[in-house]
Amino acid sequence: MRTIIIEEFSAVFQSVDCLLAPTSPTTAFKLGENASDPLALYLADALTAPVNIAGLPAISVPCGYSNKLPVGLQIIGPQLGEEIVLRTAHAYEQATDWHTQHPQI
């Protein structure tokens, strides 16, 4: 399975420099929410698992809020593509101000 995931990502990176994807299928949990629900915690990481299995570099940066809870943008690079991931994250943060905003609670 791991080999298939690596091959699929490798094929995609033949035509793009990096991928942008949600970090999580939901917003961040409220403090203490789902702390005793292992399935909810597992599902929160579902979109980062394939990247980790393939051994790819990735970073999550703030990209907005939903119901006053942060939303993350995952920037994924090809194997040994740490530089493109960091450059893309830096460019995104220079072009937006999500990383400086805090919702009014």
C-alpha atoms as a PDB file:
ATOM      1  CA  MET A   1       0.000   0.000   0.000  1.00  0.00           C
ATOM      2  CA  ARG A   2       2.836   2.386   0.895  1.00  0.00           C
ATOM      3  CA  THR A   3       4.460   1.829  -2.504  1.00  0.00           C
ATOM      4  CA  ILE A   4       1.208   2.628  -4.299  1.00  0.00           C
ATOM      5  CA  ILE A   5       0.790   5.860  -2.321  1.00  0.00           C
ATOM      6  CA  ILE A   6       4.386   6.899  -3.092  1.00  0.00           C
ATOM      7  CA  GLU A   7       3.922   6.123  -6.797  1.00  0.00           C
ATOM      8  CA  GLU A   8       0.660   8.097  -6.967  1.00  0.00           C
ATOM      9  CA  PHE A   9       2.244  11.156  -5.380  1.00  0.00           C
ATOM     10  CA  SER A  10       5.310  10.825  -7.641  1.00  0.00           C
ATOM     11  CA  ALA A  11       3.062  10.807 -10.703  1.00  0.00           C
ATOM     12  CA  VAL A  12       1.308  13.974  -9.557  1.00  0.00           C
ATOM     13  CA  PHE A  13       4.606  15.757  -8.904  1.00  0.00           C
ATOM     14  CA  GLN A  14       5.594  15.190 -12.536  1.00  0.00           C
ATOM     15  CA  SER A  15       3.222  18.038 -13.452  1.00  0.00           C
ATOM     16  CA  VAL A  16       3.108  20.276 -10.342  1.00  0.00           C
ATOM     17  CA  ASP A  17       5.664  21.733  -7.934  1.00  0.00           C
ATOM     18  CA  CYS A  18       3.556  21.310  -4.810  1.00  0.00           C
ATOM     19  CA  LEU A  19       0.051  20.453  -3.663  1.00  0.00           C
ATOM     20  CA  LEU A  20      -2.304  22.543  -1.548  1.00  0.00           C
ATOM     21  CA  ALA A  21      -4.866  20.697   0.541  1.00  0.00           C
ATOM     22  CA  PRO A  22      -6.816  21.062   3.758  1.00  0.00           C
ATOM     23  CA  THR A  23      -4.848  20.020   6.826  1.00  0.00           C
ATOM     24  CA  SER A  24      -7.909  18.504   8.467  1.00  0.00           C
ATOM     25  CA  PRO A  25     -11.441  17.627   7.327  1.00  0.00           C
ATOM     26  CA  THR A  26     -12.814  19.889  10.097  1.00  0.00           C
ATOM     27  CA  THR A  27     -11.790  23.010  11.935  1.00  0.00           C
ATOM     28  CA  ALA A  28      -9.706  22.700  15.066  1.00  0.00           C
ATOM     29  CA  PHE A  29     -11.528  21.232  18.025  1.00  0.00           C
ATOM     30  CA  LYS A  30     -12.565  23.501  20.868  1.00  0.00           C
ATOM     31  CA  LEU A  31     -10.281  23.142  23.876  1.00  0.00           C
ATOM     32  CA  GLY A  32     -10.916  19.733  25.459  1.00  0.00           C
ATOM     33  CA  GLU A  33     -13.447  18.701  22.801  1.00  0.00           C
ATOM     34  CA  ASN A  34     -13.091  15.086  21.592  1.00  0.00           C
ATOM     35  CA  ALA A  35     -10.139  14.503  23.949  1.00  0.00           C
ATOM     36  CA  SER A  36     -11.593  11.129  24.909  1.00  0.00           C
ATOM     37  CA  ASP A  37     -12.777  10.196  21.397  1.00  0.00           C
ATOM     38  CA  PRO A  38      -9.922   8.344  19.653  1.00  0.00           C
ATOM     39  CA  LEU A  39     -11.878   7.987  16.406  1.00  0.00           C
ATOM     40  CA  ALA A  40     -12.449  11.752  16.147  1.00  0.00           C
ATOM     41  CA  LEU A  41      -8.759  12.371  16.846  1.00  0.00           C
ATOM     42  CA  TYR A  42      -7.733   9.790  14.229  1.00  0.00           C
ATOM     43  CA  LEU A  43     -10.067  11.263  11.609  1.00  0.00           C
ATOM     44  CA  ALA A  44      -8.686  14.743  12.273  1.00  0.00           C
ATOM     45  CA  ASP A  45      -5.324  13.479  10.970  1.00  0.00           C
ATOM     46  CA  ALA A  46      -6.755  11.593   7.986  1.00  0.00           C
ATOM     47  CA  LEU A  47      -5.575  14.174   5.419  1.00  0.00           C
ATOM     48  CA  THR A  48      -1.996  14.223   6.702  1.00  0.00           C
ATOM     49  CA  ALA A  49      -1.558  10.440   6.958  1.00  0.00           C
ATOM     50  CA  PRO A  50      -0.937   9.712   3.231  1.00  0.00           C
ATOM     51  CA  VAL A  51       1.724  12.438   3.121  1.00  0.00           C
ATOM     52  CA  ASN A  52       3.466  10.942   6.156  1.00  0.00           C
ATOM     53  CA  ILE A  53       3.229   7.411   4.762  1.00  0.00           C
ATOM     54  CA  ALA A  54       4.845   8.599   1.511  1.00  0.00           C
ATOM     55  CA  GLY A  55       7.601  10.397   3.436  1.00  0.00           C
ATOM     56  CA  LEU A  56       6.870  13.753   1.831  1.00  0.00           C
ATOM     57  CA  PRO A  57       7.657  17.163   3.285  1.00  0.00           C
ATOM     58  CA  ALA A  58       4.622  19.229   4.252  1.00  0.00           C
ATOM     59  CA  ILE A  59       3.699  22.202   6.385  1.00  0.00           C
ATOM     60  CA  SER A  60       0.408  23.512   7.699  1.00  0.00           C
ATOM     61  CA  VAL A  61      -0.258  27.254   7.692  1.00  0.00           C
ATOM     62  CA  PRO A  62      -3.309  29.210   8.865  1.00  0.00           C
ATOM     63  CA  CYS A  63      -5.716  30.031   6.051  1.00  0.00           C
ATOM     64  CA  GLY A  64      -8.821  31.332   7.763  1.00  0.00           C
ATOM     65  CA  TYR A  65     -11.464  30.770  10.394  1.00  0.00           C
ATOM     66  CA  SER A  66     -14.786  28.986  10.464  1.00  0.00           C
ATOM     67  CA  ASN A  67     -17.073  29.634  13.426  1.00  0.00           C
ATOM     68  CA  LYS A  68     -14.122  31.346  15.150  1.00  0.00           C
ATOM     69  CA  LEU A  69     -11.993  28.188  14.875  1.00  0.00           C
ATOM     70  CA  PRO A  70      -8.819  28.064  12.751  1.00  0.00           C
ATOM     71  CA  VAL A  71      -8.589  26.322   9.394  1.00  0.00           C
ATOM     72  CA  GLY A  72      -5.252  24.962   8.153  1.00  0.00           C
ATOM     73  CA  LEU A  73      -3.793  24.802   4.651  1.00  0.00           C
ATOM     74  CA  GLN A  74      -1.404  21.913   4.041  1.00  0.00           C
ATOM     75  CA  ILE A  75       1.406  22.551   1.551  1.00  0.00           C
ATOM     76  CA  ILE A  76       2.879  19.271   0.292  1.00  0.00           C
ATOM     77  CA  GLY A  77       6.091  18.887  -1.685  1.00  0.00           C
ATOM     78  CA  PRO A  78       7.798  16.066  -3.558  1.00  0.00           C
ATOM     79  CA  GLN A  79      10.406  13.877  -1.906  1.00  0.00           C
ATOM     80  CA  LEU A  80      13.367  16.044  -0.869  1.00  0.00           C
ATOM     81  CA  GLY A  81      11.249  19.100  -1.724  1.00  0.00           C
ATOM     82  CA  GLU A  82      11.542  20.861   1.618  1.00  0.00           C
ATOM     83  CA  GLU A  83      12.748  24.050  -0.057  1.00  0.00           C
ATOM     84  CA  ILE A  84       9.693  24.390  -2.316  1.00  0.00           C
ATOM     85  CA  VAL A  85       7.390  23.713   0.649  1.00  0.00           C
ATOM     86  CA  LEU A  86       9.059  26.376   2.789  1.00  0.00           C
ATOM     87  CA  ARG A  87       9.215  28.895  -0.078  1.00  0.00           C
ATOM     88  CA  THR A  88       5.540  28.352  -0.869  1.00  0.00           C
ATOM     89  CA  ALA A  89       4.543  28.711   2.789  1.00  0.00           C
ATOM     90  CA  HIS A  90       6.582  31.894   3.064  1.00  0.00           C
ATOM     91  CA  ALA A  91       5.049  33.349  -0.114  1.00  0.00           C
ATOM     92  CA  TYR A  92       1.548  32.485   1.118  1.00  0.00           C
ATOM     93  CA  GLU A  93       2.153  34.152   4.478  1.00  0.00           C
ATOM     94  CA  GLN A  94       3.578  37.237   2.739  1.00  0.00           C
ATOM     95  CA  ALA A  95       0.474  37.443   0.514  1.00  0.00           C
ATOM     96  CA  THR A  96      -2.059  36.941   3.328  1.00  0.00           C
ATOM     97  CA  ASP A  97      -2.430  37.955   6.947  1.00  0.00           C
ATOM     98  CA  TRP A  98      -4.142  34.869   8.374  1.00  0.00           C
ATOM     99  CA  HIS A  99      -1.119  34.115  10.513  1.00  0.00           C
ATOM    100  CA  THR A 100      -1.554  37.448  12.336  1.00  0.00           C
ATOM    101  CA  GLN A 101      -5.308  37.316  12.885  1.00  0.00           C
ATOM    102  CA  HIS A 102      -7.078  36.101  16.000  1.00  0.00           C
ATOM    103  CA  PRO A 103     -10.854  35.637  16.104  1.00  0.00           C
ATOM    104  CA  GLN A 104     -12.896  37.647  18.551  1.00  0.00           C
ATOM    105  CA  ILE A 105     -14.091  35.096  21.102  1.00  0.00           C
END
